[in-house]
Amino acid sequence: EQVCKVLKTGMRTIDRVKQRFVMEGLDAALGVASTSRIYDKKVDEDTEARLISIACSEPPKGFGRWSLRLLADRMVELNYVDDISHETVRTVLKKTNLSLGGSKVG
């Protein structure tokens, strides 16, 4: 319990570190566990280009500008992707430094 107070952590964390030390050694206990999970890229360059093209176009009638969700929905409507989240749209646009707000298109 004194170790928990000094390190400001829970007893369960201490138990996991001790177990990792016994099972895998000092380096594993002191290091951060690396993940072996490989993430597939959801959007290729062609799809990125299509998304940017839509984002730079006029928004649908009734909307002043594109939202991330509107862009995601349009990508699915046009059959560019089977599905895409607004968060993936945000990530792609952030990589290109493209802003959805501010200046008018045209």
PDB file of N, CA and C in Angstrom:
ATOM      1  N   GLU A   1       0.820  -1.199   0.000  1.00  0.00           N
ATOM      2  CA  GLU A   1       0.000   0.000   0.000  1.00  0.00           C
ATOM      3  C   GLU A   1       0.860   1.258   0.000  1.00  0.00           C
ATOM      4  N   GLN A   2       2.023   1.198   0.649  1.00  0.00           N
ATOM      5  CA  GLN A   2       2.910   2.360   0.648  1.00  0.00           C
ATOM      6  C   GLN A   2       3.407   2.654  -0.765  1.00  0.00           C
ATOM      7  N   VAL A   3       3.692   1.604  -1.527  1.00  0.00           N
ATOM      8  CA  VAL A   3       4.142   1.784  -2.908  1.00  0.00           C
ATOM      9  C   VAL A   3       3.043   2.467  -3.721  1.00  0.00           C
ATOM     10  N   CYS A   4       1.805   2.067  -3.511  1.00  0.00           N
ATOM     11  CA  CYS A   4       0.677   2.677  -4.223  1.00  0.00           C
ATOM     12  C   CYS A   4       0.587   4.166  -3.928  1.00  0.00           C
ATOM     13  N   LYS A   5       0.775   4.539  -2.672  1.00  0.00           N
ATOM     14  CA  LYS A   5       0.695   5.948  -2.290  1.00  0.00           C
ATOM     15  C   LYS A   5       1.836   6.749  -2.901  1.00  0.00           C
ATOM     16  N   VAL A   6       3.040   6.192  -2.853  1.00  0.00           N
ATOM     17  CA  VAL A   6       4.208   6.899  -3.382  1.00  0.00           C
ATOM     18  C   VAL A   6       4.085   7.087  -4.894  1.00  0.00           C
ATOM     19  N   LEU A   7       3.656   6.043  -5.594  1.00  0.00           N
ATOM     20  CA  LEU A   7       3.550   6.105  -7.053  1.00  0.00           C
ATOM     21  C   LEU A   7       2.209   6.649  -7.533  1.00  0.00           C
ATOM     22  N   LYS A   8       1.301   6.874  -6.590  1.00  0.00           N
ATOM     23  CA  LYS A   8      -0.040   7.374  -6.907  1.00  0.00           C
ATOM     24  C   LYS A   8      -0.715   6.489  -7.950  1.00  0.00           C
ATOM     25  N   THR A   9      -0.753   5.208  -7.642  1.00  0.00           N
ATOM     26  CA  THR A   9      -1.361   4.231  -8.537  1.00  0.00           C
ATOM     27  C   THR A   9      -2.124   3.203  -7.710  1.00  0.00           C
ATOM     28  N   GLY A  10      -2.876   2.374  -8.377  1.00  0.00           N
ATOM     29  CA  GLY A  10      -3.676   1.378  -7.685  1.00  0.00           C
ATOM     30  C   GLY A  10      -2.919   0.085  -7.450  1.00  0.00           C
ATOM     31  N   MET A  11      -3.428  -0.704  -6.535  1.00  0.00           N
ATOM     32  CA  MET A  11      -2.808  -1.985  -6.201  1.00  0.00           C
ATOM     33  C   MET A  11      -2.851  -2.934  -7.394  1.00  0.00           C
ATOM     34  N   ARG A  12      -3.897  -2.858  -8.188  1.00  0.00           N
ATOM     35  CA  ARG A  12      -4.015  -3.730  -9.362  1.00  0.00           C
ATOM     36  C   ARG A  12      -2.882  -3.457 -10.357  1.00  0.00           C
ATOM     37  N   THR A  13      -2.514  -2.194 -10.522  1.00  0.00           N
ATOM     38  CA  THR A  13      -1.404  -1.852 -11.419  1.00  0.00           C
ATOM     39  C   THR A  13      -0.103  -2.452 -10.906  1.00  0.00           C
ATOM     40  N   ILE A  14       0.121  -2.351  -9.612  1.00  0.00           N
ATOM     41  CA  ILE A  14       1.327  -2.932  -9.006  1.00  0.00           C
ATOM     42  C   ILE A  14       1.353  -4.440  -9.250  1.00  0.00           C
ATOM     43  N   ASP A  15       0.212  -5.094  -9.065  1.00  0.00           N
ATOM     44  CA  ASP A  15       0.129  -6.542  -9.286  1.00  0.00           C
ATOM     45  C   ASP A  15       0.443  -6.909 -10.736  1.00  0.00           C
ATOM     46  N   ARG A  16      -0.068  -6.121 -11.691  1.00  0.00           N
ATOM     47  CA  ARG A  16       0.197  -6.417 -13.106  1.00  0.00           C
ATOM     48  C   ARG A  16       1.676  -6.249 -13.443  1.00  0.00           C
ATOM     49  N   VAL A  17       2.315  -5.226 -12.892  1.00  0.00           N
ATOM     50  CA  VAL A  17       3.740  -5.003 -13.154  1.00  0.00           C
ATOM     51  C   VAL A  17       4.563  -6.138 -12.556  1.00  0.00           C
ATOM     52  N   LYS A  18       4.211  -6.558 -11.351  1.00  0.00           N
ATOM     53  CA  LYS A  18       4.926  -7.680 -10.727  1.00  0.00           C
ATOM     54  C   LYS A  18       4.776  -8.942 -11.564  1.00  0.00           C
ATOM     55  N   GLN A  19       3.565  -9.203 -12.030  1.00  0.00           N
ATOM     56  CA  GLN A  19       3.328 -10.399 -12.834  1.00  0.00           C
ATOM     57  C   GLN A  19       4.104 -10.330 -14.151  1.00  0.00           C
ATOM     58  N   ARG A  20       4.121  -9.158 -14.786  1.00  0.00           N
ATOM     59  CA  ARG A  20       4.865  -9.002 -16.037  1.00  0.00           C
ATOM     60  C   ARG A  20       6.359  -9.213 -15.799  1.00  0.00           C
ATOM     61  N   PHE A  21       6.868  -8.744 -14.648  1.00  0.00           N
ATOM     62  CA  PHE A  21       8.276  -8.937 -14.308  1.00  0.00           C
ATOM     63  C   PHE A  21       8.598 -10.421 -14.184  1.00  0.00           C
ATOM     64  N   VAL A  22       7.744 -11.166 -13.485  1.00  0.00           N
ATOM     65  CA  VAL A  22       7.973 -12.593 -13.280  1.00  0.00           C
ATOM     66  C   VAL A  22       7.887 -13.355 -14.602  1.00  0.00           C
ATOM     67  N   MET A  23       6.901 -13.007 -15.428  1.00  0.00           N
ATOM     68  CA  MET A  23       6.659 -13.758 -16.662  1.00  0.00           C
ATOM     69  C   MET A  23       7.593 -13.363 -17.805  1.00  0.00           C
ATOM     70  N   GLU A  24       7.911 -12.056 -17.918  1.00  0.00           N
ATOM     71  CA  GLU A  24       8.617 -11.579 -19.109  1.00  0.00           C
ATOM     72  C   GLU A  24       9.942 -10.889 -18.830  1.00  0.00           C
ATOM     73  N   GLY A  25      10.243 -10.598 -17.575  1.00  0.00           N
ATOM     74  CA  GLY A  25      11.518  -9.989 -17.241  1.00  0.00           C
ATOM     75  C   GLY A  25      11.417  -8.496 -16.966  1.00  0.00           C
ATOM     76  N   LEU A  26      12.559  -7.924 -16.587  1.00  0.00           N
ATOM     77  CA  LEU A  26      12.623  -6.525 -16.164  1.00  0.00           C
ATOM     78  C   LEU A  26      12.267  -5.553 -17.286  1.00  0.00           C
ATOM     79  N   ASP A  27      12.806  -5.781 -18.484  1.00  0.00           N
ATOM     80  CA  ASP A  27      12.533  -4.856 -19.591  1.00  0.00           C
ATOM     81  C   ASP A  27      11.042  -4.753 -19.881  1.00  0.00           C
ATOM     82  N   ALA A  28      10.351  -5.870 -19.876  1.00  0.00           N
ATOM     83  CA  ALA A  28       8.911  -5.862 -20.138  1.00  0.00           C
ATOM     84  C   ALA A  28       8.161  -5.160 -19.015  1.00  0.00           C
ATOM     85  N   ALA A  29       8.602  -5.362 -17.775  1.00  0.00           N
ATOM     86  CA  ALA A  29       7.922  -4.746 -16.635  1.00  0.00           C
ATOM     87  C   ALA A  29       8.097  -3.233 -16.629  1.00  0.00           C
ATOM     88  N   LEU A  30       9.238  -2.746 -17.066  1.00  0.00           N
ATOM     89  CA  LEU A  30       9.504  -1.307 -17.060  1.00  0.00           C
ATOM     90  C   LEU A  30       9.003  -0.605 -18.314  1.00  0.00           C
ATOM     91  N   GLY A  31       8.855  -1.343 -19.396  1.00  0.00           N
ATOM     92  CA  GLY A  31       8.463  -0.740 -20.662  1.00  0.00           C
ATOM     93  C   GLY A  31       6.967  -0.741 -20.866  1.00  0.00           C
ATOM     94  N   VAL A  32       6.574  -0.049 -21.898  1.00  0.00           N
ATOM     95  CA  VAL A  32       5.173  -0.025 -22.291  1.00  0.00           C
ATOM     96  C   VAL A  32       4.934  -1.213 -23.205  1.00  0.00           C
ATOM     97  N   ALA A  33       3.869  -1.916 -22.954  1.00  0.00           N
ATOM     98  CA  ALA A  33       3.551  -3.078 -23.778  1.00  0.00           C
ATOM     99  C   ALA A  33       3.260  -2.625 -25.200  1.00  0.00           C
ATOM    100  N   SER A  34       3.966  -3.203 -26.143  1.00  0.00           N
ATOM    101  CA  SER A  34       3.730  -2.830 -27.532  1.00  0.00           C
ATOM    102  C   SER A  34       2.586  -3.664 -28.090  1.00  0.00           C
ATOM    103  N   THR A  35       1.871  -3.063 -28.992  1.00  0.00           N
ATOM    104  CA  THR A  35       0.748  -3.759 -29.593  1.00  0.00           C
ATOM    105  C   THR A  35       1.182  -4.396 -30.902  1.00  0.00           C
ATOM    106  N   SER A  36       0.649  -5.543 -31.177  1.00  0.00           N
ATOM    107  CA  SER A  36       0.972  -6.210 -32.433  1.00  0.00           C
ATOM    108  C   SER A  36      -0.134  -5.990 -33.456  1.00  0.00           C
ATOM    109  N   ARG A  37      -1.124  -5.198 -33.074  1.00  0.00           N
ATOM    110  CA  ARG A  37      -2.252  -4.952 -33.965  1.00  0.00           C
ATOM    111  C   ARG A  37      -1.824  -4.041 -35.107  1.00  0.00           C
ATOM    112  N   ILE A  38      -2.216  -4.420 -36.301  1.00  0.00           N
ATOM    113  CA  ILE A  38      -1.922  -3.626 -37.489  1.00  0.00           C
ATOM    114  C   ILE A  38      -3.236  -3.043 -37.992  1.00  0.00           C
ATOM    115  N   TYR A  39      -3.254  -1.730 -38.162  1.00  0.00           N
ATOM    116  CA  TYR A  39      -4.459  -1.059 -38.616  1.00  0.00           C
ATOM    117  C   TYR A  39      -4.433  -0.909 -40.128  1.00  0.00           C
ATOM    118  N   ASP A  40      -5.515  -1.326 -40.766  1.00  0.00           N
ATOM    119  CA  ASP A  40      -5.639  -1.150 -42.204  1.00  0.00           C
ATOM    120  C   ASP A  40      -5.974   0.302 -42.504  1.00  0.00           C
ATOM    121  N   LYS A  41      -5.415   0.800 -43.591  1.00  0.00           N
ATOM    122  CA  LYS A  41      -5.720   2.157 -44.011  1.00  0.00           C
ATOM    123  C   LYS A  41      -7.124   2.160 -44.600  1.00  0.00           C
ATOM    124  N   LYS A  42      -7.993   3.005 -44.060  1.00  0.00           N
ATOM    125  CA  LYS A  42      -9.390   3.013 -44.484  1.00  0.00           C
ATOM    126  C   LYS A  42      -9.605   3.803 -45.768  1.00  0.00           C
ATOM    127  N   VAL A  43      -8.744   4.776 -46.008  1.00  0.00           N
ATOM    128  CA  VAL A  43      -8.944   5.669 -47.144  1.00  0.00           C
ATOM    129  C   VAL A  43      -7.655   5.711 -47.963  1.00  0.00           C
ATOM    130  N   ASP A  44      -7.750   5.342 -49.242  1.00  0.00           N
ATOM    131  CA  ASP A  44      -6.572   5.412 -50.102  1.00  0.00           C
ATOM    132  C   ASP A  44      -6.463   6.808 -50.725  1.00  0.00           C
ATOM    133  N   GLU A  45      -5.425   7.029 -51.508  1.00  0.00           N
ATOM    134  CA  GLU A  45      -5.170   8.358 -52.078  1.00  0.00           C
ATOM    135  C   GLU A  45      -6.290   8.809 -53.009  1.00  0.00           C
ATOM    136  N   ASP A  46      -6.839   7.887 -53.782  1.00  0.00           N
ATOM    137  CA  ASP A  46      -7.920   8.228 -54.700  1.00  0.00           C
ATOM    138  C   ASP A  46      -9.162   8.680 -53.931  1.00  0.00           C
ATOM    139  N   THR A  47      -9.475   7.964 -52.864  1.00  0.00           N
ATOM    140  CA  THR A  47     -10.633   8.320 -52.040  1.00  0.00           C
ATOM    141  C   THR A  47     -10.398   9.648 -51.331  1.00  0.00           C
ATOM    142  N   GLU A  48      -9.171   9.890 -50.882  1.00  0.00           N
ATOM    143  CA  GLU A  48      -8.837  11.180 -50.272  1.00  0.00           C
ATOM    144  C   GLU A  48      -9.075  12.312 -51.257  1.00  0.00           C
ATOM    145  N   ALA A  49      -8.644  12.116 -52.495  1.00  0.00           N
ATOM    146  CA  ALA A  49      -8.818  13.150 -53.519  1.00  0.00           C
ATOM    147  C   ALA A  49     -10.300  13.421 -53.765  1.00  0.00           C
ATOM    148  N   ARG A  50     -11.102  12.376 -53.798  1.00  0.00           N
ATOM    149  CA  ARG A  50     -12.544  12.555 -53.989  1.00  0.00           C
ATOM    150  C   ARG A  50     -13.164  13.305 -52.815  1.00  0.00           C
ATOM    151  N   LEU A  51     -12.739  12.969 -51.607  1.00  0.00           N
ATOM    152  CA  LEU A  51     -13.251  13.644 -50.416  1.00  0.00           C
ATOM    153  C   LEU A  51     -12.895  15.129 -50.443  1.00  0.00           C
ATOM    154  N   ILE A  52     -11.670  15.437 -50.783  1.00  0.00           N
ATOM    155  CA  ILE A  52     -11.232  16.834 -50.845  1.00  0.00           C
ATOM    156  C   ILE A  52     -12.005  17.582 -51.924  1.00  0.00           C
ATOM    157  N   SER A  53     -12.240  16.916 -53.043  1.00  0.00           N
ATOM    158  CA  SER A  53     -13.012  17.529 -54.123  1.00  0.00           C
ATOM    159  C   SER A  53     -14.420  17.887 -53.655  1.00  0.00           C
ATOM    160  N   ILE A  54     -15.047  16.977 -52.932  1.00  0.00           N
ATOM    161  CA  ILE A  54     -16.391  17.251 -52.411  1.00  0.00           C
ATOM    162  C   ILE A  54     -16.342  18.385 -51.393  1.00  0.00           C
ATOM    163  N   ALA A  55     -15.350  18.358 -50.515  1.00  0.00           N
ATOM    164  CA  ALA A  55     -15.239  19.383 -49.469  1.00  0.00           C
ATOM    165  C   ALA A  55     -15.032  20.774 -50.066  1.00  0.00           C
ATOM    166  N   CYS A  56     -14.408  20.849 -51.233  1.00  0.00           N
ATOM    167  CA  CYS A  56     -14.161  22.140 -51.879  1.00  0.00           C
ATOM    168  C   CYS A  56     -15.336  22.587 -52.749  1.00  0.00           C
ATOM    169  N   SER A  57     -16.329  21.728 -52.913  1.00  0.00           N
ATOM    170  CA  SER A  57     -17.485  22.081 -53.735  1.00  0.00           C
ATOM    171  C   SER A  57     -18.537  22.797 -52.888  1.00  0.00           C
ATOM    172  N   GLU A  58     -19.578  23.259 -53.558  1.00  0.00           N
ATOM    173  CA  GLU A  58     -20.680  23.921 -52.856  1.00  0.00           C
ATOM    174  C   GLU A  58     -21.387  22.914 -51.955  1.00  0.00           C
ATOM    175  N   PRO A  59     -21.762  23.313 -50.754  1.00  0.00           N
ATOM    176  CA  PRO A  59     -22.502  22.402 -49.871  1.00  0.00           C
ATOM    177  C   PRO A  59     -23.920  22.192 -50.393  1.00  0.00           C
ATOM    178  N   PRO A  60     -24.604  21.176 -49.908  1.00  0.00           N
ATOM    179  CA  PRO A  60     -25.979  20.929 -50.356  1.00  0.00           C
ATOM    180  C   PRO A  60     -26.887  22.113 -50.027  1.00  0.00           C
ATOM    181  N   LYS A  61     -27.983  22.219 -50.778  1.00  0.00           N
ATOM    182  CA  LYS A  61     -28.941  23.296 -50.520  1.00  0.00           C
ATOM    183  C   LYS A  61     -29.433  23.202 -49.085  1.00  0.00           C
ATOM    184  N   GLY A  62     -29.554  24.353 -48.461  1.00  0.00           N
ATOM    185  CA  GLY A  62     -30.012  24.404 -47.085  1.00  0.00           C
ATOM    186  C   GLY A  62     -28.885  24.390 -46.069  1.00  0.00           C
ATOM    187  N   PHE A  63     -27.646  24.247 -46.545  1.00  0.00           N
ATOM    188  CA  PHE A  63     -26.490  24.219 -45.648  1.00  0.00           C
ATOM    189  C   PHE A  63     -25.507  25.304 -46.060  1.00  0.00           C
ATOM    190  N   GLY A  64     -24.978  26.007 -45.086  1.00  0.00           N
ATOM    191  CA  GLY A  64     -24.017  27.070 -45.359  1.00  0.00           C
ATOM    192  C   GLY A  64     -22.627  26.551 -45.663  1.00  0.00           C
ATOM    193  N   ARG A  65     -22.306  25.391 -45.128  1.00  0.00           N
ATOM    194  CA  ARG A  65     -20.991  24.781 -45.364  1.00  0.00           C
ATOM    195  C   ARG A  65     -21.093  23.287 -45.121  1.00  0.00           C
ATOM    196  N   TRP A  66     -20.070  22.577 -45.549  1.00  0.00           N
ATOM    197  CA  TRP A  66     -20.015  21.139 -45.337  1.00  0.00           C
ATOM    198  C   TRP A  66     -19.701  20.842 -43.881  1.00  0.00           C
ATOM    199  N   SER A  67     -20.379  19.874 -43.310  1.00  0.00           N
ATOM    200  CA  SER A  67     -19.991  19.344 -42.001  1.00  0.00           C
ATOM    201  C   SER A  67     -19.288  18.011 -42.250  1.00  0.00           C
ATOM    202  N   LEU A  68     -18.602  17.524 -41.252  1.00  0.00           N
ATOM    203  CA  LEU A  68     -17.916  16.241 -41.397  1.00  0.00           C
ATOM    204  C   LEU A  68     -18.915  15.120 -41.677  1.00  0.00           C
ATOM    205  N   ARG A  69     -20.055  15.172 -41.011  1.00  0.00           N
ATOM    206  CA  ARG A  69     -21.074  14.134 -41.211  1.00  0.00           C
ATOM    207  C   ARG A  69     -21.696  14.227 -42.607  1.00  0.00           C
ATOM    208  N   LEU A  70     -21.917  15.452 -43.089  1.00  0.00           N
ATOM    209  CA  LEU A  70     -22.441  15.610 -44.452  1.00  0.00           C
ATOM    210  C   LEU A  70     -21.459  15.049 -45.477  1.00  0.00           C
ATOM    211  N   LEU A  71     -20.181  15.319 -45.280  1.00  0.00           N
ATOM    212  CA  LEU A  71     -19.169  14.799 -46.199  1.00  0.00           C
ATOM    213  C   LEU A  71     -19.136  13.268 -46.164  1.00  0.00           C
ATOM    214  N   ALA A  72     -19.209  12.704 -44.974  1.00  0.00           N
ATOM    215  CA  ALA A  72     -19.207  11.241 -44.847  1.00  0.00           C
ATOM    216  C   ALA A  72     -20.424  10.650 -45.553  1.00  0.00           C
ATOM    217  N   ASP A  73     -21.582  11.256 -45.338  1.00  0.00           N
ATOM    218  CA  ASP A  73     -22.805  10.766 -45.984  1.00  0.00           C
ATOM    219  C   ASP A  73     -22.711  10.865 -47.506  1.00  0.00           C
ATOM    220  N   ARG A  74     -22.146  11.959 -48.014  1.00  0.00           N
ATOM    221  CA  ARG A  74     -22.033  12.140 -49.463  1.00  0.00           C
ATOM    222  C   ARG A  74     -21.080  11.111 -50.070  1.00  0.00           C
ATOM    223  N   MET A  75     -20.001  10.801 -49.367  1.00  0.00           N
ATOM    224  CA  MET A  75     -19.060   9.791 -49.861  1.00  0.00           C
ATOM    225  C   MET A  75     -19.751   8.439 -50.018  1.00  0.00           C
ATOM    226  N   VAL A  76     -20.637   8.109 -49.082  1.00  0.00           N
ATOM    227  CA  VAL A  76     -21.377   6.844 -49.155  1.00  0.00           C
ATOM    228  C   VAL A  76     -22.424   6.914 -50.267  1.00  0.00           C
ATOM    229  N   GLU A  77     -23.135   8.052 -50.362  1.00  0.00           N
ATOM    230  CA  GLU A  77     -24.153   8.227 -51.410  1.00  0.00           C
ATOM    231  C   GLU A  77     -23.568   8.033 -52.803  1.00  0.00           C
ATOM    232  N   LEU A  78     -22.368   8.556 -53.008  1.00  0.00           N
ATOM    233  CA  LEU A  78     -21.723   8.477 -54.322  1.00  0.00           C
ATOM    234  C   LEU A  78     -20.994   7.147 -54.542  1.00  0.00           C
ATOM    235  N   ASN A  79     -21.121   6.235 -53.584  1.00  0.00           N
ATOM    236  CA  ASN A  79     -20.497   4.906 -53.648  1.00  0.00           C
ATOM    237  C   ASN A  79     -18.975   4.959 -53.765  1.00  0.00           C
ATOM    238  N   TYR A  80     -18.367   5.991 -53.190  1.00  0.00           N
ATOM    239  CA  TYR A  80     -16.907   6.053 -53.140  1.00  0.00           C
ATOM    240  C   TYR A  80     -16.375   5.117 -52.061  1.00  0.00           C
ATOM    241  N   VAL A  81     -17.174   4.920 -51.011  1.00  0.00           N
ATOM    242  CA  VAL A  81     -16.831   4.017 -49.911  1.00  0.00           C
ATOM    243  C   VAL A  81     -18.102   3.319 -49.453  1.00  0.00           C
ATOM    244  N   ASP A  82     -17.934   2.151 -48.818  1.00  0.00           N
ATOM    245  CA  ASP A  82     -19.096   1.454 -48.257  1.00  0.00           C
ATOM    246  C   ASP A  82     -19.596   2.173 -47.017  1.00  0.00           C
ATOM    247  N   ASP A  83     -18.661   2.576 -46.181  1.00  0.00           N
ATOM    248  CA  ASP A  83     -18.990   3.381 -45.012  1.00  0.00           C
ATOM    249  C   ASP A  83     -17.743   4.142 -44.585  1.00  0.00           C
ATOM    250  N   ILE A  84     -17.960   5.272 -43.942  1.00  0.00           N
ATOM    251  CA  ILE A  84     -16.859   6.103 -43.459  1.00  0.00           C
ATOM    252  C   ILE A  84     -17.397   6.945 -42.309  1.00  0.00           C
ATOM    253  N   SER A  85     -16.613   7.080 -41.276  1.00  0.00           N
ATOM    254  CA  SER A  85     -17.051   7.861 -40.122  1.00  0.00           C
ATOM    255  C   SER A  85     -16.660   9.321 -40.305  1.00  0.00           C
ATOM    256  N   HIS A  86     -17.366  10.179 -39.597  1.00  0.00           N
ATOM    257  CA  HIS A  86     -17.010  11.598 -39.653  1.00  0.00           C
ATOM    258  C   HIS A  86     -15.615  11.820 -39.079  1.00  0.00           C
ATOM    259  N   GLU A  87     -15.183  10.952 -38.176  1.00  0.00           N
ATOM    260  CA  GLU A  87     -13.845  11.075 -37.592  1.00  0.00           C
ATOM    261  C   GLU A  87     -12.767  10.768 -38.631  1.00  0.00           C
ATOM    262  N   THR A  88     -13.013   9.791 -39.487  1.00  0.00           N
ATOM    263  CA  THR A  88     -12.065   9.496 -40.564  1.00  0.00           C
ATOM    264  C   THR A  88     -12.004  10.668 -41.536  1.00  0.00           C
ATOM    265  N   VAL A  89     -13.156  11.259 -41.832  1.00  0.00           N
ATOM    266  CA  VAL A  89     -13.193  12.448 -42.691  1.00  0.00           C
ATOM    267  C   VAL A  89     -12.359  13.558 -42.059  1.00  0.00           C
ATOM    268  N   ARG A  90     -12.514  13.763 -40.756  1.00  0.00           N
ATOM    269  CA  ARG A  90     -11.753  14.801 -40.056  1.00  0.00           C
ATOM    270  C   ARG A  90     -10.252  14.556 -40.168  1.00  0.00           C
ATOM    271  N   THR A  91      -9.854  13.302 -39.983  1.00  0.00           N
ATOM    272  CA  THR A  91      -8.433  12.960 -40.042  1.00  0.00           C
ATOM    273  C   THR A  91      -7.853  13.240 -41.425  1.00  0.00           C
ATOM    274  N   VAL A  92      -8.589  12.871 -42.469  1.00  0.00           N
ATOM    275  CA  VAL A  92      -8.115  13.107 -43.836  1.00  0.00           C
ATOM    276  C   VAL A  92      -7.985  14.603 -44.100  1.00  0.00           C
ATOM    277  N   LEU A  93      -8.998  15.365 -43.725  1.00  0.00           N
ATOM    278  CA  LEU A  93      -8.962  16.806 -43.977  1.00  0.00           C
ATOM    279  C   LEU A  93      -7.886  17.492 -43.142  1.00  0.00           C
ATOM    280  N   LYS A  94      -7.643  16.990 -41.945  1.00  0.00           N
ATOM    281  CA  LYS A  94      -6.606  17.578 -41.098  1.00  0.00           C
ATOM    282  C   LYS A  94      -5.229  17.382 -41.726  1.00  0.00           C
ATOM    283  N   LYS A  95      -5.008  16.216 -42.334  1.00  0.00           N
ATOM    284  CA  LYS A  95      -3.725  15.949 -42.993  1.00  0.00           C
ATOM    285  C   LYS A  95      -3.458  16.947 -44.110  1.00  0.00           C
ATOM    286  N   THR A  96      -4.513  17.424 -44.749  1.00  0.00           N
ATOM    287  CA  THR A  96      -4.352  18.326 -45.888  1.00  0.00           C
ATOM    288  C   THR A  96      -4.454  19.792 -45.492  1.00  0.00           C
ATOM    289  N   ASN A  97      -4.658  20.055 -44.189  1.00  0.00           N
ATOM    290  CA  ASN A  97      -4.836  21.423 -43.684  1.00  0.00           C
ATOM    291  C   ASN A  97      -6.025  22.120 -44.330  1.00  0.00           C
ATOM    292  N   LEU A  98      -7.040  21.357 -44.701  1.00  0.00           N
ATOM    293  CA  LEU A  98      -8.235  21.919 -45.317  1.00  0.00           C
ATOM    294  C   LEU A  98      -9.234  22.268 -44.226  1.00  0.00           C
ATOM    295  N   SER A  99      -9.719  23.490 -44.235  1.00  0.00           N
ATOM    296  CA  SER A  99     -10.680  23.941 -43.237  1.00  0.00           C
ATOM    297  C   SER A  99     -12.065  23.999 -43.853  1.00  0.00           C
ATOM    298  N   LEU A 100     -13.069  23.533 -43.111  1.00  0.00           N
ATOM    299  CA  LEU A 100     -14.439  23.581 -43.606  1.00  0.00           C
ATOM    300  C   LEU A 100     -15.097  24.925 -43.331  1.00  0.00           C
ATOM    301  N   GLY A 101     -14.518  25.713 -42.489  1.00  0.00           N
ATOM    302  CA  GLY A 101     -15.107  27.012 -42.147  1.00  0.00           C
ATOM    303  C   GLY A 101     -14.331  28.138 -42.783  1.00  0.00           C
ATOM    304  N   GLY A 102     -14.786  29.339 -42.533  1.00  0.00           N
ATOM    305  CA  GLY A 102     -14.023  30.499 -42.986  1.00  0.00           C
ATOM    306  C   GLY A 102     -14.463  31.029 -44.321  1.00  0.00           C
ATOM    307  N   SER A 103     -13.631  30.878 -45.336  1.00  0.00           N
ATOM    308  CA  SER A 103     -13.887  31.529 -46.620  1.00  0.00           C
ATOM    309  C   SER A 103     -14.918  30.779 -47.447  1.00  0.00           C
ATOM    310  N   LYS A 104     -15.552  31.526 -48.336  1.00  0.00           N
ATOM    311  CA  LYS A 104     -16.550  30.958 -49.240  1.00  0.00           C
ATOM    312  C   LYS A 104     -15.860  30.271 -50.412  1.00  0.00           C
ATOM    313  N   VAL A 105     -16.522  29.269 -50.951  1.00  0.00           N
ATOM    314  CA  VAL A 105     -16.006  28.560 -52.119  1.00  0.00           C
ATOM    315  C   VAL A 105     -16.339  29.375 -53.355  1.00  0.00           C
ATOM    316  N   GLY A 106     -15.421  29.387 -54.311  1.00  0.00           N
ATOM    317  CA  GLY A 106     -15.755  30.052 -55.565  1.00  0.00           C
ATOM    318  C   GLY A 106     -14.905  31.149 -55.876  1.00  0.00           C
TER     319      GLY A 106
END
